Amino acid sequence: MYRFIYCLLLSITLPAQAQEAAAPLTLAAALQLAGTGNPALSAARHELAAQGGALKQAQALPNPELQTLVEDTRRATRSTTVQLNQLIELGGKRGARADVALRGQELAQAGLAAQQAETRAQVTTAFVDVLAAQEGLRLADSAQALAARASDITARRVTAGKASPVEATRAKVAEASVRLELNLARSTLTQARQRLAALWGSTAPRFTQAEGSLDALPALPSPGELEARLAQSPAVRQAHSHLAQRQAMLVVEQRRATPDVTVSIGMKRSEELGRNQAIIGLALPLPLFDRNAGNRLEALRRSDQAGDQLAAASVQLQASLAQASVRLATARLDVDSLQREIVPGAQSAYDAASKGFEFGKFAFLDVLDAQRTLLQAKNQTLRALTEAHHAAAEIERLLGAPVTP
């Protein structure tokens, strides 16, 4: 019974996990899954809804108070008083409180936008990691095929007496080393798939593969575009909303200097006199000891602090954007150099060394060196492509939306 109740509570309190289809997964589909199943994004939406409730409460009028007073316990001389007390807020306090709640709602909206940008960047980065891991596994398979071919050629040459058995041992060692790299590539892919699926709340990825290409390099935004969109970035919007909320809180504390009035209307029944008496009262606090000076000073300093935080956020955002732009520009240059010169040259050198070794013109060490150079060049290309997409995702996170050339 207790287990049933516990499972029922979990089903009520925990959000349902998004499940992807057991098919190839695109980036758009991954972003859609994260948009509905990401826990951090759901928490930001709940915060925005909660601020809506806070705004509604801040606009409510204070409740009246019903008060009853009985004097004397003897019926003949008893006096009974019934009165209604109503607090009347002066100085615009309710409007100031509503303004604070409205600024809190704007802050929650900015926080939701920031979390959406963060989630998009996380999904994009994780998706790129899966694509890179898939390509890394393909490169490892290709390297194993090359190592197996070199080992087969070496074995035939040793059998024919054209090569030393030592070269056959080297070929076997190289092939075993490549198998280790293949196992590492499989593990890397498994971990990348799990990290991606976790972004929409899934612990067991069901998609068969990530569908996309790393060769399509992201655009490098111009400095003018970055500058134009700097003020609308989620971090700056959050800092502006936080400053506005602190300034509204300062107004609330300043409005509290005006005392509120409590109006009382009621009736008093005197049994001894045998008549009813109307009661009209007015209560006004006297600010002799507590003038709310401490709260006003705190609100003022909090407002100054929020202004400094806005300036710090702007500086930090500019520095982060500059760094991400440099990363993207450098990665684009690296990819261009690797794809145009280094990889084709390494491929040509490996083909020549492999064919020359087969005909007895080169030693096996030359083949190993050429193979190592080729694989290193391909892995460098893969890392440069991945870095370019990571940098573009970081720029998108900072700006809150995709960039255009």
Protein backbone atom coordinates (compact mmCIF):
# COMPACT_ATOMS: atom_id res chain seq x y z
CA MET A 1 0.00 0.00 0.00
CA TYR A 2 2.75 2.43 0.98
CA ARG A 3 4.70 1.56 -2.17
CA PHE A 4 1.64 2.29 -4.29
CA ILE A 5 1.12 5.68 -2.64
CA TYR A 6 4.83 6.52 -3.05
CA CYS A 7 4.76 5.66 -6.77
CA LEU A 8 1.56 7.69 -7.19
CA LEU A 9 3.17 10.74 -5.58
CA LEU A 10 6.22 10.41 -7.81
CA SER A 11 4.03 10.25 -10.90
CA ILE A 12 2.28 13.45 -9.79
CA THR A 13 5.34 15.48 -8.77
CA LEU A 14 7.92 14.40 -11.36
CA PRO A 15 7.59 15.61 -14.96
CA ALA A 16 7.19 13.01 -17.67
CA GLN A 17 10.34 12.21 -19.60
CA ALA A 18 10.46 13.05 -23.28
CA GLN A 19 11.20 10.06 -25.46
CA GLU A 20 12.71 10.26 -28.90
CA ALA A 21 11.90 7.77 -31.64
CA ALA A 22 14.22 4.85 -32.33
CA ALA A 23 15.38 6.47 -35.57
CA PRO A 24 17.98 8.96 -36.79
CA LEU A 25 17.86 12.19 -34.79
CA THR A 26 18.23 15.67 -36.25
CA LEU A 27 19.32 18.77 -34.37
CA ALA A 28 15.86 20.31 -34.78
CA ALA A 29 14.25 17.23 -33.23
CA ALA A 30 16.74 17.27 -30.35
CA LEU A 31 15.99 20.94 -29.68
CA GLN A 32 12.25 20.20 -29.68
CA LEU A 33 12.70 17.32 -27.23
CA ALA A 34 14.76 19.49 -24.90
CA GLY A 35 12.22 22.29 -25.18
CA THR A 36 9.53 20.06 -23.68
CA GLY A 37 11.55 17.77 -21.41
CA ASN A 38 14.51 19.76 -20.06
CA PRO A 39 14.12 20.03 -16.24
CA ALA A 40 15.95 23.36 -15.92
CA LEU A 41 13.74 24.88 -18.63
CA SER A 42 10.63 23.58 -16.88
CA ALA A 43 11.82 25.12 -13.60
CA ALA A 44 12.28 28.50 -15.31
CA ARG A 45 8.71 28.32 -16.65
CA HIS A 46 7.42 27.54 -13.15
CA GLU A 47 9.32 30.56 -11.81
CA LEU A 48 7.61 32.79 -14.38
CA ALA A 49 4.20 31.39 -13.43
CA ALA A 50 4.99 31.91 -9.74
CA GLN A 51 5.86 35.56 -10.38
CA GLY A 52 2.47 35.94 -12.02
CA GLY A 53 0.90 34.81 -8.76
CA ALA A 54 3.07 37.26 -6.83
CA LEU A 55 1.84 40.11 -9.07
CA LYS A 56 -1.77 39.11 -8.50
CA GLN A 57 -1.23 39.06 -4.74
CA ALA A 58 0.54 42.42 -4.72
CA GLN A 59 -2.48 44.05 -6.39
CA ALA A 60 -4.94 42.74 -3.77
CA LEU A 61 -6.54 45.10 -1.25
CA PRO A 62 -6.00 44.46 2.48
CA ASN A 63 -8.80 42.48 4.15
CA PRO A 64 -11.12 44.14 6.67
CA GLU A 65 -11.00 43.04 10.30
CA LEU A 66 -14.04 42.13 12.40
CA GLN A 67 -13.53 42.86 16.10
CA THR A 68 -15.76 41.98 19.09
CA LEU A 69 -15.31 43.24 22.64
CA VAL A 70 -17.36 42.21 25.71
CA GLU A 71 -17.12 44.28 28.90
CA ASP A 72 -18.32 42.82 32.23
CA THR A 73 -19.58 39.28 32.61
CA ARG A 74 -22.86 40.21 34.30
CA ARG A 75 -25.77 40.37 31.92
CA ALA A 76 -27.38 43.40 33.53
CA THR A 77 -24.31 45.61 33.22
CA ARG A 78 -22.65 44.03 30.18
CA SER A 79 -21.47 46.08 27.20
CA THR A 80 -20.86 44.43 23.81
CA THR A 81 -18.96 46.14 21.03
CA VAL A 82 -18.83 44.92 17.43
CA GLN A 83 -16.78 46.91 14.94
CA LEU A 84 -15.27 46.59 11.48
CA ASN A 85 -11.69 47.81 10.96
CA GLN A 86 -10.36 48.61 7.51
CA LEU A 87 -6.73 49.45 6.80
CA ILE A 88 -6.35 52.17 4.17
CA GLU A 89 -2.91 52.26 2.60
CA LEU A 90 -1.67 55.73 1.78
CA GLY A 91 1.27 57.00 -0.23
CA GLY A 92 0.84 54.56 -3.16
CA LYS A 93 2.17 51.54 -1.29
CA ARG A 94 0.02 49.00 -3.11
CA GLY A 95 1.00 50.38 -6.49
CA ALA A 96 4.67 50.29 -5.49
CA ARG A 97 4.35 46.67 -4.35
CA ALA A 98 2.64 45.77 -7.62
CA ASP A 99 5.49 47.43 -9.52
CA VAL A 100 8.02 45.29 -7.62
CA ALA A 101 6.04 42.17 -8.52
CA LEU A 102 5.83 43.30 -12.15
CA ARG A 103 9.61 43.78 -12.24
CA GLY A 104 9.98 40.33 -10.71
CA GLN A 105 7.85 38.93 -13.52
CA GLU A 106 10.06 40.67 -16.08
CA LEU A 107 13.12 39.25 -14.34
CA ALA A 108 11.62 35.76 -14.48
CA GLN A 109 10.86 36.28 -18.19
CA ALA A 110 14.48 37.28 -18.79
CA GLY A 111 15.60 34.26 -16.78
CA LEU A 112 13.44 32.00 -18.94
CA ALA A 113 14.96 33.50 -22.09
CA ALA A 114 18.44 32.96 -20.65
CA GLN A 115 17.64 29.36 -19.80
CA GLN A 116 16.22 28.77 -23.27
CA ALA A 117 19.44 30.10 -24.78
CA GLU A 118 21.47 27.96 -22.37
CA THR A 119 19.47 24.85 -23.24
CA ARG A 120 19.78 25.47 -26.98
CA ALA A 121 23.55 25.87 -26.63
CA GLN A 122 23.82 22.73 -24.49
CA VAL A 123 21.78 20.68 -26.97
CA THR A 124 23.74 22.02 -29.94
CA THR A 125 27.07 21.32 -28.26
CA ALA A 126 26.01 17.83 -27.17
CA PHE A 127 24.63 17.08 -30.64
CA VAL A 128 27.91 18.21 -32.22
CA ASP A 129 29.76 15.97 -29.77
CA VAL A 130 27.67 13.00 -30.93
CA LEU A 131 28.38 13.83 -34.57
CA ALA A 132 32.09 14.14 -33.77
CA ALA A 133 32.05 10.86 -31.84
CA GLN A 134 30.33 9.12 -34.76
CA GLU A 135 32.96 10.49 -37.13
CA GLY A 136 35.70 9.53 -34.67
CA LEU A 137 34.36 5.97 -34.63
CA ARG A 138 34.34 5.96 -38.43
CA LEU A 139 37.94 7.16 -38.47
CA ALA A 140 38.89 4.48 -35.96
CA ASP A 141 37.24 1.83 -38.16
CA SER A 142 39.15 3.19 -41.13
CA ALA A 143 42.38 3.13 -39.15
CA GLN A 144 41.76 -0.46 -38.18
CA ALA A 145 41.18 -1.37 -41.81
CA LEU A 146 44.45 0.36 -42.76
CA ALA A 147 46.32 -1.40 -39.97
CA ALA A 148 44.85 -4.76 -40.96
CA ARG A 149 45.84 -4.20 -44.59
CA ALA A 150 49.39 -3.23 -43.56
CA SER A 151 49.60 -6.29 -41.32
CA ASP A 152 48.41 -8.53 -44.18
CA ILE A 153 50.96 -7.05 -46.59
CA THR A 154 53.73 -7.49 -44.01
CA ALA A 155 52.75 -11.11 -43.38
CA ARG A 156 52.89 -11.87 -47.13
CA ARG A 157 56.30 -10.21 -47.43
CA VAL A 158 57.65 -12.15 -44.45
CA THR A 159 56.32 -15.41 -45.95
CA ALA A 160 58.02 -14.56 -49.21
CA GLY A 161 61.26 -13.82 -47.37
CA LYS A 162 61.27 -10.18 -48.43
CA ALA A 163 60.82 -8.72 -44.93
CA SER A 164 62.04 -9.43 -41.44
CA PRO A 165 59.70 -11.12 -38.92
CA VAL A 166 60.33 -8.07 -36.73
CA GLU A 167 58.28 -6.00 -39.17
CA ALA A 168 55.40 -8.47 -38.82
CA THR A 169 55.55 -8.01 -35.06
CA ARG A 170 55.49 -4.25 -35.47
CA ALA A 171 52.47 -4.53 -37.75
CA LYS A 172 50.62 -6.67 -35.19
CA VAL A 173 51.44 -4.21 -32.41
CA ALA A 174 50.23 -1.30 -34.54
CA GLU A 175 47.02 -3.18 -35.31
CA ALA A 176 46.43 -3.91 -31.61
CA SER A 177 47.04 -0.26 -30.77
CA VAL A 178 44.45 0.79 -33.33
CA ARG A 179 41.95 -1.63 -31.78
CA LEU A 180 42.41 0.16 -28.46
CA GLU A 181 41.64 3.44 -30.19
CA LEU A 182 38.53 1.84 -31.66
CA ASN A 183 37.33 0.77 -28.21
CA LEU A 184 37.92 4.28 -26.91
CA ALA A 185 35.96 5.74 -29.84
CA ARG A 186 33.00 3.45 -29.05
CA SER A 187 33.08 4.51 -25.40
CA THR A 188 33.25 8.19 -26.38
CA LEU A 189 30.21 7.80 -28.62
CA THR A 190 28.21 6.04 -25.89
CA GLN A 191 28.97 8.81 -23.40
CA ALA A 192 28.13 11.55 -25.92
CA ARG A 193 24.77 9.91 -26.68
CA GLN A 194 23.94 9.71 -22.97
CA ARG A 195 24.86 13.38 -22.40
CA LEU A 196 22.61 14.44 -25.27
CA ALA A 197 19.62 12.36 -24.13
CA ALA A 198 19.99 13.65 -20.56
CA LEU A 199 19.15 17.15 -21.80
CA TRP A 200 15.53 16.12 -22.34
CA GLY A 201 15.40 14.02 -19.18
CA SER A 202 16.09 10.60 -20.70
CA THR A 203 18.54 8.18 -19.10
CA ALA A 204 18.60 5.72 -22.02
CA PRO A 205 19.03 7.21 -25.52
CA ARG A 206 16.84 5.50 -28.10
CA PHE A 207 17.88 7.31 -31.29
CA THR A 208 19.98 5.25 -33.67
CA GLN A 209 22.35 8.01 -34.75
CA ALA A 210 22.69 11.76 -34.97
CA GLU A 211 21.88 12.99 -38.46
CA GLY A 212 23.93 15.96 -39.59
CA SER A 213 27.24 17.14 -41.00
CA LEU A 214 30.13 18.85 -39.31
CA ASP A 215 31.54 20.04 -42.64
CA ALA A 216 29.03 22.90 -42.85
CA LEU A 217 30.99 25.50 -40.92
CA PRO A 218 28.98 28.06 -38.91
CA ALA A 219 29.08 31.66 -40.06
CA LEU A 220 31.42 34.14 -38.42
CA PRO A 221 29.31 37.11 -37.21
CA SER A 222 30.56 40.59 -37.91
CA PRO A 223 31.61 42.88 -35.05
CA GLY A 224 28.79 45.24 -36.01
CA GLU A 225 26.18 42.53 -35.57
CA LEU A 226 27.59 41.52 -32.21
CA GLU A 227 27.54 45.12 -31.03
CA ALA A 228 23.98 45.68 -32.26
CA ARG A 229 22.63 42.61 -30.48
CA LEU A 230 24.63 43.05 -27.31
CA ALA A 231 21.90 44.99 -25.47
CA GLN A 232 19.29 42.29 -26.18
CA SER A 233 21.36 39.41 -24.86
CA PRO A 234 19.81 37.34 -22.03
CA ALA A 235 22.53 38.26 -19.52
CA VAL A 236 22.11 42.00 -20.09
CA ARG A 237 18.31 41.71 -20.01
CA GLN A 238 18.52 39.86 -16.71
CA ALA A 239 20.82 42.50 -15.25
CA HIS A 240 18.51 45.31 -16.44
CA SER A 241 15.46 43.56 -14.97
CA HIS A 242 17.27 42.99 -11.69
CA LEU A 243 18.20 46.68 -11.50
CA ALA A 244 14.61 47.73 -12.24
CA GLN A 245 13.33 45.42 -9.51
CA ARG A 246 15.79 46.82 -6.97
CA GLN A 247 14.81 50.37 -7.87
CA ALA A 248 11.15 49.44 -7.43
CA MET A 249 11.96 47.98 -4.00
CA LEU A 250 13.61 51.27 -3.07
CA VAL A 251 10.39 53.09 -3.98
CA VAL A 252 8.42 50.70 -1.74
CA GLU A 253 10.64 51.49 1.23
CA GLN A 254 10.36 55.22 0.54
CA ARG A 255 6.55 55.01 0.34
CA ARG A 256 6.45 53.38 3.75
CA ALA A 257 7.37 56.75 5.26
CA THR A 258 3.71 57.70 4.80
CA PRO A 259 1.72 56.11 7.67
CA ASP A 260 -1.40 54.08 6.93
CA VAL A 261 -4.80 54.83 8.44
CA THR A 262 -7.17 52.31 10.01
CA VAL A 263 -10.86 53.30 9.91
CA SER A 264 -13.24 51.62 12.37
CA ILE A 265 -17.05 51.51 12.17
CA GLY A 266 -19.21 49.60 14.63
CA MET A 267 -21.86 49.48 17.31
CA LYS A 268 -21.80 49.23 21.11
CA ARG A 269 -24.73 47.69 23.02
CA SER A 270 -25.03 48.72 26.65
CA GLU A 271 -27.39 46.47 28.64
CA GLU A 272 -27.27 48.79 31.62
CA LEU A 273 -28.42 51.80 29.58
CA GLY A 274 -30.58 49.69 27.29
CA ARG A 275 -29.45 51.32 24.07
CA ASN A 276 -27.07 50.96 21.09
CA GLN A 277 -24.28 53.42 20.37
CA ALA A 278 -22.55 53.99 17.02
CA ILE A 279 -18.76 53.83 16.99
CA ILE A 280 -16.50 55.56 14.49
CA GLY A 281 -12.75 55.35 14.98
CA LEU A 282 -9.54 56.37 13.27
CA ALA A 283 -6.10 54.91 14.06
CA LEU A 284 -2.91 56.54 12.84
CA PRO A 285 0.58 55.21 13.78
CA LEU A 286 3.08 57.74 15.07
CA PRO A 287 6.55 57.28 13.49
CA LEU A 288 8.50 58.23 16.60
CA PHE A 289 10.96 55.36 16.90
CA ASP A 290 10.85 53.39 13.62
CA ARG A 291 11.17 55.61 10.55
CA ASN A 292 12.17 52.71 8.26
CA ALA A 293 15.57 54.33 7.77
CA GLY A 294 17.43 51.03 7.83
CA ASN A 295 15.25 49.44 5.14
CA ARG A 296 15.56 52.53 2.96
CA LEU A 297 19.35 52.48 3.26
CA GLU A 298 19.47 48.77 2.46
CA ALA A 299 17.22 49.20 -0.59
CA LEU A 300 19.38 52.10 -1.81
CA ARG A 301 22.58 50.09 -1.52
CA ARG A 302 20.93 47.07 -3.19
CA SER A 303 19.97 49.33 -6.07
CA ASP A 304 23.55 50.58 -6.37
CA GLN A 305 24.76 46.98 -6.27
CA ALA A 306 22.40 46.00 -9.10
CA GLY A 307 23.74 48.89 -11.19
CA ASP A 308 27.30 47.68 -10.69
CA GLN A 309 26.20 44.14 -11.57
CA LEU A 310 24.70 45.44 -14.82
CA ALA A 311 28.00 47.11 -15.73
CA ALA A 312 29.91 43.94 -14.82
CA ALA A 313 27.55 41.79 -16.90
CA SER A 314 28.04 44.03 -19.94
CA VAL A 315 31.84 43.90 -19.64
CA GLN A 316 31.84 40.13 -19.09
CA LEU A 317 29.54 39.60 -22.05
CA GLN A 318 31.76 41.65 -24.35
CA ALA A 319 34.83 39.71 -23.24
CA SER A 320 33.10 36.33 -23.66
CA LEU A 321 31.81 37.28 -27.11
CA ALA A 322 35.26 38.39 -28.19
CA GLN A 323 36.81 35.13 -26.99
CA ALA A 324 34.16 32.99 -28.69
CA SER A 325 34.55 34.95 -31.93
CA VAL A 326 38.33 34.42 -31.87
CA ARG A 327 37.79 30.70 -31.23
CA LEU A 328 35.42 30.46 -34.19
CA ALA A 329 37.69 32.42 -36.52
CA THR A 330 40.73 30.34 -35.55
CA ALA A 331 38.86 27.07 -35.99
CA ARG A 332 37.62 28.12 -39.43
CA LEU A 333 41.20 28.92 -40.50
CA ASP A 334 42.43 25.58 -39.13
CA VAL A 335 39.74 23.63 -40.96
CA ASP A 336 40.50 25.41 -44.22
CA SER A 337 44.22 24.69 -43.95
CA LEU A 338 43.70 21.07 -42.93
CA GLN A 339 41.17 20.28 -45.66
CA ARG A 340 43.03 22.06 -48.47
CA GLU A 341 46.62 21.10 -47.74
CA ILE A 342 47.43 18.89 -44.79
CA VAL A 343 44.93 16.01 -45.16
CA PRO A 344 45.37 15.61 -48.94
CA GLY A 345 49.16 15.71 -48.49
CA ALA A 346 49.08 13.14 -45.69
CA GLN A 347 46.78 10.90 -47.76
CA SER A 348 49.10 11.11 -50.75
CA ALA A 349 52.14 10.33 -48.57
CA TYR A 350 50.41 7.30 -47.02
CA ASP A 351 49.31 5.94 -50.40
CA ALA A 352 52.84 6.27 -51.76
CA ALA A 353 54.44 4.68 -48.67
CA SER A 354 51.94 1.82 -48.62
CA LYS A 355 52.40 1.02 -52.30
CA GLY A 356 56.17 1.41 -52.04
CA PHE A 357 56.31 -0.96 -49.05
CA GLU A 358 54.24 -3.53 -50.95
CA PHE A 359 56.83 -3.49 -53.75
CA GLY A 360 59.77 -3.47 -51.34
CA LYS A 361 60.83 0.15 -51.87
CA PHE A 362 60.08 1.41 -48.33
CA ALA A 363 60.44 0.01 -44.84
CA PHE A 364 57.42 -0.70 -42.68
CA LEU A 365 58.41 2.12 -40.35
CA ASP A 366 57.78 4.53 -43.25
CA VAL A 367 54.28 3.10 -43.63
CA LEU A 368 53.61 3.42 -39.90
CA ASP A 369 54.84 6.99 -39.88
CA ALA A 370 52.70 7.93 -42.91
CA GLN A 371 49.65 6.19 -41.41
CA ARG A 372 50.13 7.98 -38.08
CA THR A 373 50.44 11.33 -39.86
CA LEU A 374 47.29 10.72 -41.89
CA LEU A 375 45.20 9.72 -38.88
CA GLN A 376 46.54 12.65 -36.90
CA ALA A 377 45.58 15.07 -39.69
CA LYS A 378 42.06 13.65 -39.90
CA ASN A 379 41.63 13.82 -36.13
CA GLN A 380 42.89 17.41 -36.12
CA THR A 381 40.31 18.26 -38.77
CA LEU A 382 37.58 16.65 -36.68
CA ARG A 383 38.68 18.59 -33.58
CA ALA A 384 38.81 21.87 -35.51
CA LEU A 385 35.31 21.30 -36.92
CA THR A 386 34.00 20.45 -33.46
CA GLU A 387 35.65 23.54 -31.97
CA ALA A 388 34.07 25.74 -34.62
CA HIS A 389 30.58 24.45 -33.84
CA HIS A 390 31.19 24.73 -30.09
CA ALA A 391 32.29 28.36 -30.48
CA ALA A 392 29.22 29.15 -32.60
CA ALA A 393 26.98 27.56 -29.96
CA GLU A 394 28.65 29.70 -27.29
CA ILE A 395 28.02 32.86 -29.32
CA GLU A 396 24.40 31.81 -29.77
CA ARG A 397 24.09 31.26 -26.01
CA LEU A 398 25.52 34.67 -25.22
CA LEU A 399 23.34 36.49 -27.78
CA GLY A 400 20.25 34.39 -27.13
CA ALA A 401 19.57 33.54 -30.79
CA PRO A 402 21.39 32.14 -33.85
CA VAL A 403 23.83 34.46 -35.58
CA THR A 404 23.78 35.40 -39.25
CA PRO A 405 26.77 36.28 -41.45
